[in-house]
Protein backbone atom coordinates (compact mmCIF):
# COMPACT_ATOMS: atom_id res chain seq x y z
CA MET A 1 4.12 61.88 4.34
CA GLU A 2 6.17 59.62 6.60
CA ASN A 3 3.03 57.86 7.78
CA LEU A 4 2.06 57.09 4.18
CA GLY A 5 5.51 55.67 3.48
CA THR A 6 5.45 53.41 6.54
CA LEU A 7 1.90 52.30 5.69
CA LEU A 8 2.93 51.36 2.16
CA SER A 9 5.97 49.43 3.41
CA LEU A 10 3.75 47.54 5.88
CA LEU A 11 1.28 46.70 3.09
CA ASN A 12 4.11 45.40 0.87
CA LEU A 13 5.44 43.34 3.77
CA GLN A 14 1.99 41.87 4.45
CA GLN A 15 1.47 41.08 0.77
CA THR A 16 4.82 39.30 0.72
CA LYS A 17 3.86 37.28 3.79
CA VAL A 18 0.51 36.35 2.24
CA ALA A 19 2.23 35.30 -0.99
CA ILE A 20 4.78 33.17 0.87
CA ILE A 21 2.09 31.53 3.02
CA THR A 22 -0.01 30.84 -0.09
CA VAL A 23 2.89 29.19 -1.90
CA ILE A 24 3.89 27.11 1.13
CA SER A 25 0.33 25.96 1.79
CA SER A 26 -0.18 25.10 -1.90
CA VAL A 27 2.97 22.98 -1.93
CA LEU A 28 1.97 21.32 1.34
CA ILE A 29 -1.53 20.49 0.06
CA TRP A 30 -0.08 19.10 -3.18
CA TRP A 31 2.40 16.95 -1.23
CA ILE A 32 -0.30 15.59 1.11
CA TRP A 33 -2.59 14.79 -1.83
CA SER A 34 0.24 13.02 -3.67
CA ALA A 35 1.06 10.96 -0.59
CA LEU A 36 -2.60 9.99 -0.10
CA ASP A 37 -2.87 9.06 -3.76
CA TRP A 38 0.24 6.88 -3.55
CA ILE A 39 -0.61 5.24 -0.23
CA TRP A 40 -4.40 4.84 -0.42
CA PHE A 41 -6.23 5.85 -3.61
CA THR A 42 -4.02 4.13 -6.21
CA PRO A 43 -3.87 0.74 -4.41
CA LYS A 44 -7.65 0.79 -3.86
CA ARG A 45 -8.20 1.67 -7.54
CA ILE A 46 -5.91 -1.17 -8.64
CA GLU A 47 -7.65 -3.57 -6.24
CA LYS A 48 -11.06 -2.63 -7.67
CA ARG A 49 -9.90 -3.17 -11.26
CA LEU A 50 -8.29 -6.51 -10.42
CA LYS A 51 -11.45 -7.74 -8.72
CA GLN A 52 -13.44 -6.69 -11.79
CA GLN A 53 -11.09 -8.89 -13.86
CA GLY A 54 -11.64 -11.87 -11.56
CA LEU A 55 -8.53 -11.81 -9.39
CA LYS A 56 -9.33 -12.66 -5.82
CA GLY A 57 -7.36 -11.82 -2.73
CA ASN A 58 -7.29 -10.00 0.56
CA SER A 59 -8.47 -6.42 0.66
CA TYR A 60 -5.77 -3.71 0.72
CA ARG A 61 -4.73 -2.60 4.18
CA LEU A 62 -2.96 0.70 4.69
CA MET A 63 0.84 0.56 4.78
CA VAL A 64 1.46 -3.00 6.00
CA GLY A 65 -0.77 -4.95 3.63
CA ASP A 66 -0.55 -8.69 4.25
CA ILE A 67 2.86 -8.59 5.95
CA ARG A 68 1.43 -9.07 9.46
CA ASP A 69 -0.42 -12.19 8.35
CA MET A 70 2.70 -13.49 6.58
CA VAL A 71 4.91 -13.02 9.63
CA LYS A 72 2.32 -14.63 11.92
CA MET A 73 1.93 -17.66 9.64
CA ILE A 74 5.70 -18.09 9.24
CA LYS A 75 6.21 -18.03 13.03
CA GLU A 76 3.37 -20.50 13.48
CA ALA A 77 4.73 -22.84 10.79
CA LYS A 78 8.26 -22.78 12.20
CA SER A 79 7.02 -23.46 15.72
CA LYS A 80 5.63 -26.86 14.68
CA PRO A 81 7.95 -29.75 13.91
CA MET A 82 8.11 -30.90 10.31
CA ASP A 83 7.47 -34.51 9.37
CA PRO A 84 10.97 -35.92 8.60
CA TYR A 85 9.55 -38.30 5.97
CA SER A 86 7.66 -35.65 3.99
CA ASN A 87 8.90 -33.80 0.93
CA ASP A 88 6.07 -31.29 1.18
CA ILE A 89 8.00 -28.24 2.39
CA ALA A 90 5.73 -25.55 0.94
CA PRO A 91 3.55 -25.19 4.07
CA ARG A 92 6.74 -24.69 6.09
CA VAL A 93 8.55 -22.33 3.71
CA LEU A 94 5.61 -20.38 2.23
CA PRO A 95 2.69 -20.83 4.61
CA PHE A 96 0.97 -17.61 3.56
CA VAL A 97 0.99 -18.55 -0.12
CA VAL A 98 -0.30 -22.07 0.64
CA HIS A 99 -3.07 -20.65 2.84
CA THR A 100 -4.04 -18.00 0.28
CA ILE A 101 -4.10 -20.51 -2.58
CA ALA A 102 -6.35 -22.77 -0.51
CA LYS A 103 -8.64 -19.82 0.20
CA TYR A 104 -8.74 -18.01 -3.18
CA GLY A 105 -7.49 -20.45 -5.82
CA MET A 106 -4.47 -20.61 -8.09
CA LEU A 107 -4.70 -17.05 -9.46
CA LEU A 108 -4.61 -14.48 -6.68
CA GLN A 109 -3.24 -11.16 -5.50
CA TYR A 110 -1.91 -9.87 -2.22
CA SER A 111 -0.60 -6.50 -1.15
CA SER A 112 2.61 -5.42 0.47
CA PHE A 113 2.90 -1.75 1.42
CA SER A 114 1.47 0.09 -1.60
CA THR A 115 2.33 -2.65 -4.08
CA HIS A 116 0.04 -5.40 -5.33
CA LEU A 117 1.72 -8.75 -5.94
CA PHE A 118 0.29 -11.50 -8.08
CA PHE A 119 0.63 -15.22 -7.77
CA CYS A 120 -0.27 -17.55 -10.58
CA SER A 121 0.46 -21.23 -10.14
CA SER A 122 1.43 -23.30 -13.16
CA MET A 123 -1.49 -25.56 -12.22
CA PHE A 124 -3.81 -22.67 -13.14
CA TRP A 125 -2.68 -22.78 -16.76
CA ARG A 126 -3.05 -26.59 -17.02
CA LYS A 127 -6.84 -26.49 -16.67
């Protein structure tokens, strides 16, 4: 009789452990899927829809987006002296935007982390 009681208590304990492990693993899987959706799937889905609508721009890159290119272009622009007789400060202040407009046109998108940013010049609307 004692053996049956200890066996039943062990079974209840094992069932409790299985239930706890199942709940924890379910929550963990849900959290990982949500993070992947936020970081990768949603930005790629947005990028695809924007390209279907005609917006051009760099492809989405995980986490950093276009920030590396921006920082590199800003350092490069600030390392060169500016013409003291020129009022054209855009290549010095916003070199990434100037480069991207030259590459993709007046209506474009670029990504920063998991966010897509849009740039539309007023010259685009004057066509």
